Amino acid sequence: MKIYGAGGIDPVRAYNHQVKRKKEEITKDVAPQSDSLEISREAKEIQAFKNALAELSGVREDLVRSLKQRIETGSYQPDAEKIADGMLEERLLDQEV
């Protein structure tokens, strides 16, 4: 048997065509997906606590203002014994850690 010419089926082209058709079928059958994220109750509580802490100043502005005014006028008389006790207490706490 003799075959004349190269007019036969190109196997690479046939394979590529078949792969392309399969991809098209798959994309038609599959509905577009979207990502989703669910945040746990604990994570929501933690975020609420973080937000509440961010709103807290940590500085008692009224006390600072009062002390500043008393220092400026010379009427601030700190209790030296109380300060010394506080310093010793801090030192003892530092040694425990």
Protein backbone atom coordinates (compact mmCIF):
# COMPACT_ATOMS: atom_id res chain seq x y z
CA MET A 1 0.00 0.00 0.00
CA LYS A 2 1.30 3.40 -0.94
CA ILE A 3 0.43 6.66 0.79
CA TYR A 4 0.95 9.78 -1.19
CA GLY A 5 1.31 13.27 0.33
CA ALA A 6 1.30 14.51 3.90
CA GLY A 7 -2.42 15.24 3.94
CA GLY A 8 -3.06 12.82 6.78
CA ILE A 9 -4.06 13.73 10.32
CA ASP A 10 -1.45 15.65 12.26
CA PRO A 11 -1.40 13.89 15.66
CA VAL A 12 -0.13 16.93 17.59
CA ARG A 13 -2.85 19.17 16.16
CA ALA A 14 -5.50 16.53 16.88
CA TYR A 15 -4.28 16.19 20.47
CA ASN A 16 -4.24 19.97 21.04
CA HIS A 17 -7.74 20.25 19.60
CA GLN A 18 -8.98 17.49 21.89
CA VAL A 19 -7.39 19.11 24.97
CA LYS A 20 -8.91 22.47 24.06
CA ARG A 21 -12.40 20.93 23.72
CA LYS A 22 -12.06 19.20 27.10
CA LYS A 23 -11.03 22.45 28.77
CA GLU A 24 -14.01 24.24 27.25
CA GLU A 25 -16.36 21.49 28.49
CA ILE A 26 -14.90 21.64 31.99
CA THR A 27 -15.22 25.42 32.22
CA LYS A 28 -18.83 25.23 31.02
CA ASP A 29 -19.75 22.61 33.62
CA VAL A 30 -18.05 24.29 36.56
CA ALA A 31 -19.78 27.27 38.12
CA PRO A 32 -17.51 30.15 39.03
CA GLN A 33 -16.28 29.77 42.59
CA SER A 34 -15.72 32.51 45.09
CA ASP A 35 -13.58 32.50 48.18
CA SER A 36 -15.18 32.79 51.57
CA LEU A 37 -13.93 33.39 55.06
CA GLU A 38 -15.64 32.74 58.35
CA ILE A 39 -14.31 34.45 61.46
CA SER A 40 -14.72 32.54 64.71
CA ARG A 41 -16.57 33.93 67.70
CA GLU A 42 -13.31 33.99 69.68
CA ALA A 43 -11.57 36.03 66.99
CA LYS A 44 -14.45 38.51 66.97
CA GLU A 45 -14.23 38.85 70.76
CA ILE A 46 -10.48 39.38 70.60
CA GLN A 47 -10.94 42.09 67.98
CA ALA A 48 -13.58 43.79 70.13
CA PHE A 49 -11.20 43.76 73.11
CA LYS A 50 -8.38 45.16 70.96
CA ASN A 51 -10.64 47.96 69.76
CA ALA A 52 -11.71 48.76 73.32
CA LEU A 53 -8.08 48.83 74.49
CA ALA A 54 -7.12 51.11 71.62
CA GLU A 55 -9.72 53.60 72.80
CA LEU A 56 -8.30 53.63 76.33
CA SER A 57 -5.61 56.19 76.88
CA GLY A 58 -3.80 54.63 79.81
CA VAL A 59 -3.03 58.16 81.00
CA ARG A 60 -5.25 59.80 83.54
CA GLU A 61 -5.22 63.24 81.98
CA ASP A 62 -7.10 64.89 84.83
CA LEU A 63 -4.53 63.66 87.37
CA VAL A 64 -1.60 64.67 85.14
CA ARG A 65 -3.10 68.12 84.64
CA SER A 66 -3.66 68.55 88.40
CA LEU A 67 -0.13 67.42 89.29
CA LYS A 68 1.42 69.62 86.62
CA GLN A 69 -0.44 72.63 87.97
CA ARG A 70 0.61 71.83 91.55
CA ILE A 71 4.27 71.42 90.49
CA GLU A 72 4.20 74.74 88.61
CA THR A 73 2.73 76.58 91.59
CA GLY A 74 5.09 74.86 94.04
CA SER A 75 2.31 73.30 96.08
CA TYR A 76 3.19 69.69 95.21
CA GLN A 77 4.67 67.98 98.27
CA PRO A 78 5.29 64.28 97.50
CA ASP A 79 5.49 61.87 100.42
CA ALA A 80 9.14 60.72 100.45
CA GLU A 81 8.38 57.63 102.55
CA LYS A 82 5.65 56.53 100.13
CA ILE A 83 8.04 56.98 97.19
CA ALA A 84 10.76 54.94 98.92
CA ASP A 85 8.30 52.16 99.74
CA GLY A 86 7.19 52.06 96.11
CA MET A 87 10.78 51.89 94.87
CA LEU A 88 11.59 49.02 97.23
CA GLU A 89 8.45 47.16 96.23
CA GLU A 90 9.35 47.53 92.54
CA ARG A 91 12.85 46.24 93.26
CA LEU A 92 11.49 43.18 95.05
CA LEU A 93 9.08 42.47 92.19
CA ASP A 94 11.92 42.74 89.68
CA GLN A 95 13.95 40.18 91.62
CA GLU A 96 11.06 37.69 91.57
CA VAL A 97 10.86 37.81 87.81
